[in-house]
Protein backbone atom coordinates (compact mmCIF):
# COMPACT_ATOMS: atom_id res chain seq x y z
CA MET A 1 16.53 4.82 8.69
CA PRO A 2 18.03 7.75 6.73
CA ILE A 3 21.68 7.26 5.96
CA SER A 4 23.28 10.31 7.53
CA ASN A 5 26.80 9.38 8.60
CA GLU A 6 28.90 12.16 7.09
CA ASN A 7 32.09 10.05 7.16
CA VAL A 8 30.59 7.50 4.77
CA GLU A 9 31.30 7.95 1.07
CA ARG A 10 28.18 7.92 -1.08
CA LYS A 11 28.25 7.29 -4.78
CA ILE A 12 25.19 7.84 -6.94
CA VAL A 13 24.90 4.79 -9.19
CA LYS A 14 21.65 5.70 -10.97
CA GLU A 15 19.30 8.67 -10.78
CA GLY A 16 15.61 8.16 -11.46
CA LYS A 17 12.43 10.20 -11.41
CA PHE A 18 11.14 8.53 -8.22
CA GLU A 19 14.28 7.22 -6.53
CA ASP A 20 18.06 7.14 -6.77
CA VAL A 21 20.34 4.16 -6.30
CA ILE A 22 23.41 4.94 -4.23
CA GLU A 23 26.39 2.85 -3.22
CA ILE A 24 27.85 2.89 0.27
CA ASP A 25 30.62 0.48 1.24
CA GLU A 26 29.85 -1.78 -1.74
CA HIS A 27 26.13 -1.97 -0.79
CA LEU A 28 23.35 -0.51 -2.93
CA TYR A 29 20.50 1.52 -1.39
CA LEU A 30 17.30 3.04 -2.76
CA ILE A 31 16.76 6.66 -1.81
CA SER A 32 13.19 7.71 -2.51
CA LYS A 33 12.49 11.16 -3.88
CA LYS A 34 8.75 10.94 -3.19
CA HIS A 35 6.86 9.51 -0.25
CA GLN A 36 4.68 6.49 -0.87
CA VAL A 37 1.27 5.33 0.32
CA CYS A 38 -0.33 1.88 0.31
CA VAL A 39 -4.07 1.35 0.69
CA LEU A 40 -5.74 -1.80 2.01
CA PRO A 41 -9.49 -1.82 1.27
CA TYR A 42 -11.50 -4.32 3.28
CA THR A 43 -15.06 -5.47 3.92
CA ILE A 44 -16.65 -6.68 7.14
CA ASP A 45 -19.10 -9.58 7.34
CA THR A 46 -22.37 -9.62 9.31
CA LYS A 47 -20.54 -10.84 12.44
CA GLY A 48 -18.17 -7.87 12.37
CA LEU A 49 -15.19 -9.91 11.19
CA LEU A 50 -12.83 -9.17 8.31
CA ASP A 51 -14.37 -10.68 5.21
CA LYS A 52 -12.65 -9.58 2.00
CA ILE A 53 -9.44 -7.72 1.28
CA GLY A 54 -9.06 -5.50 -1.79
CA VAL A 55 -5.95 -6.04 -3.88
CA VAL A 56 -4.66 -5.21 -7.33
CA LYS A 57 -3.32 -7.75 -9.76
CA ASP A 58 -0.27 -5.94 -11.08
CA TYR A 59 2.57 -6.98 -13.36
CA ASN A 60 5.82 -7.85 -11.59
CA PHE A 61 8.61 -6.91 -14.00
CA VAL A 62 11.24 -8.83 -12.02
CA TYR A 63 9.42 -12.18 -12.15
CA GLU A 64 7.61 -11.36 -15.43
CA GLU A 65 4.20 -12.42 -14.13
CA PHE A 66 1.11 -10.94 -12.52
CA ASP A 67 0.89 -10.81 -8.72
CA TYR A 68 -1.58 -9.59 -6.12
CA THR A 69 -0.37 -6.60 -4.15
CA LEU A 70 -1.60 -3.56 -2.27
CA ILE A 71 -2.94 -0.50 -3.99
CA HIS A 72 0.02 1.85 -3.94
CA GLY A 73 1.28 5.14 -5.27
CA TYR A 74 3.23 8.30 -4.60
CA ILE A 75 2.18 11.36 -2.64
CA SER A 76 2.11 14.42 -4.88
CA GLN A 77 2.57 18.07 -3.96
CA ASP A 78 -1.11 18.66 -4.79
CA ASP A 79 -2.21 16.28 -2.01
CA GLY A 80 -2.99 18.21 1.17
CA THR A 81 -2.28 15.21 3.42
CA ASP A 82 -1.24 11.58 3.19
CA LEU A 83 -4.90 10.62 3.62
CA VAL A 84 -5.89 12.76 0.63
CA ALA A 85 -3.17 10.99 -1.36
CA ALA A 86 -4.43 7.58 -0.20
CA ASN A 87 -7.99 8.44 -1.28
CA ARG A 88 -6.77 9.73 -4.67
CA ILE A 89 -4.75 6.57 -5.24
CA LEU A 90 -7.73 4.41 -4.22
CA PHE A 91 -10.04 6.39 -6.53
CA ASN A 92 -7.67 5.84 -9.47
CA VAL A 93 -8.07 2.09 -9.01
CA ILE A 94 -11.69 1.57 -7.92
CA GLY A 95 -13.31 4.69 -9.38
CA THR A 96 -15.02 5.57 -6.10
CA ASN A 97 -14.19 8.42 -3.74
CA VAL A 98 -14.35 7.37 -0.06
CA THR A 99 -14.74 10.72 1.68
CA ASN A 100 -15.99 9.60 5.10
CA ALA A 101 -12.98 9.81 7.43
CA ASP A 102 -14.58 7.18 9.71
CA ASN A 103 -13.97 4.59 6.96
CA TRP A 104 -10.22 5.21 7.02
CA MET A 105 -7.62 3.91 9.46
CA TYR A 106 -3.90 4.71 9.59
CA LEU A 107 -1.95 1.47 10.07
CA GLY A 108 1.44 3.10 10.55
CA SER A 109 4.44 3.07 8.28
CA LEU A 110 6.88 0.40 7.18
CA TYR A 111 10.10 0.09 5.28
CA ASN A 112 9.78 -2.37 2.44
CA ALA A 113 13.47 -3.26 2.54
CA VAL A 114 16.53 -2.68 4.70
CA THR A 115 18.11 -1.05 1.66
CA SER A 116 15.59 1.79 1.48
CA ASP A 117 15.43 4.99 3.49
CA SER A 118 11.78 5.79 2.83
CA ALA A 119 8.93 4.58 4.98
CA ILE A 120 5.66 3.73 3.26
CA ASN A 121 2.50 4.98 4.97
CA LEU A 122 -0.21 2.32 5.25
CA TYR A 123 -3.93 3.05 5.29
CA ALA A 124 -6.89 0.69 5.55
CA VAL A 125 -10.33 1.69 4.30
CA ASP A 126 -13.66 0.02 5.04
CA VAL A 127 -15.50 -0.34 1.73
CA THR A 128 -18.24 -2.65 3.04
CA ASN A 129 -21.10 -0.33 2.05
CA ILE A 130 -19.28 1.47 -0.78
CA GLN A 131 -20.39 0.98 -4.37
CA ILE A 132 -17.28 -0.04 -6.31
CA LYS A 133 -17.32 0.27 -10.07
CA GLU A 134 -16.44 -2.75 -12.15
CA THR A 135 -12.81 -2.89 -13.29
CA GLU A 136 -13.86 -2.45 -16.92
CA GLU A 137 -15.56 0.88 -16.09
CA VAL A 138 -12.45 2.19 -14.35
CA GLU A 139 -9.85 0.89 -16.81
CA GLU A 140 -8.41 3.34 -19.28
CA SER A 141 -5.69 1.09 -20.64
CA GLN A 142 -4.81 -2.60 -20.76
CA ASP A 143 -1.79 -2.24 -18.48
CA LYS A 144 -3.75 -0.72 -15.57
CA ALA A 145 -3.77 -2.77 -12.37
CA LYS A 146 -6.96 -4.77 -11.93
CA PHE A 147 -8.83 -4.55 -8.60
CA ASN A 148 -10.11 -7.73 -6.95
CA PHE A 149 -11.35 -8.89 -3.58
CA LEU A 150 -9.69 -11.86 -1.89
CA ASP A 151 -11.11 -13.81 1.00
CA SER A 152 -9.26 -12.59 4.10
CA SER A 153 -8.26 -16.16 5.00
CA LYS A 154 -6.11 -16.33 1.84
CA VAL A 155 -4.04 -13.26 2.70
CA ILE A 156 -1.85 -15.07 5.19
CA ALA A 157 -0.33 -17.11 2.34
CA THR A 158 1.03 -14.07 0.49
CA ASP A 159 4.73 -13.52 -0.12
CA ASP A 160 4.30 -9.72 -0.31
CA THR A 161 5.61 -8.36 3.01
CA LEU A 162 3.79 -5.01 2.75
CA PHE A 163 0.52 -6.78 2.00
CA LEU A 164 0.98 -9.28 4.82
CA SER A 165 2.11 -6.73 7.40
CA SER A 166 -0.75 -4.37 6.51
CA PHE A 167 -3.25 -7.18 6.88
CA LEU A 168 -1.75 -8.29 10.21
CA ARG A 169 -1.97 -4.74 11.56
CA LEU A 170 -5.59 -4.51 10.45
CA PHE A 171 -6.35 -7.97 11.86
CA ASN A 172 -4.74 -6.95 15.16
CA TYR A 173 -7.03 -3.91 15.34
CA PHE A 174 -10.13 -6.12 14.89
CA TYR A 175 -8.78 -8.65 17.39
CA VAL A 176 -8.21 -5.98 20.05
CA GLN A 177 -11.66 -4.49 19.36
CA SER A 178 -13.30 -7.90 19.81
CA LEU A 179 -11.49 -8.37 23.16
CA ARG A 180 -12.73 -4.96 24.35
CA GLU A 181 -16.31 -5.88 23.48
CA LYS A 182 -16.23 -9.05 25.61
């Protein structure tokens, strides 16, 4: 969705460290300077079904309240791949390094708004048999996002489109796998 029409006049409204706001034909757009990754940790129950979904309770500055959302962050130049970035971002939240590639699944990429030109890469990670440190052990400051598990049945009620779409892509994978097994 990059805006590349050369006949369109662009005006930079605000420059930031991570993104710029530009104006085109009286519409505002976010132009990301760094690529982003979201991570959806999950657990599987004894029947092989999705059980719990890992989320962070993070402060929403727009609504001035805490909300559940996906673990997310930016890809840095030190990350060899998007998957390395996803694992680093996950480690920063749960304090555990998930190095087994079989635990990871690429869910594709999404745009979080029609006014953004940057796709966000989505990864799911099976943490069923992974020892996750308590939030208090991982926390370094009071404003750090807190990691929690939600029952997978509660995810469908979320208003967060990235969270919901990531979960639906993961659910679809499990649904297709269950059909193949029958």
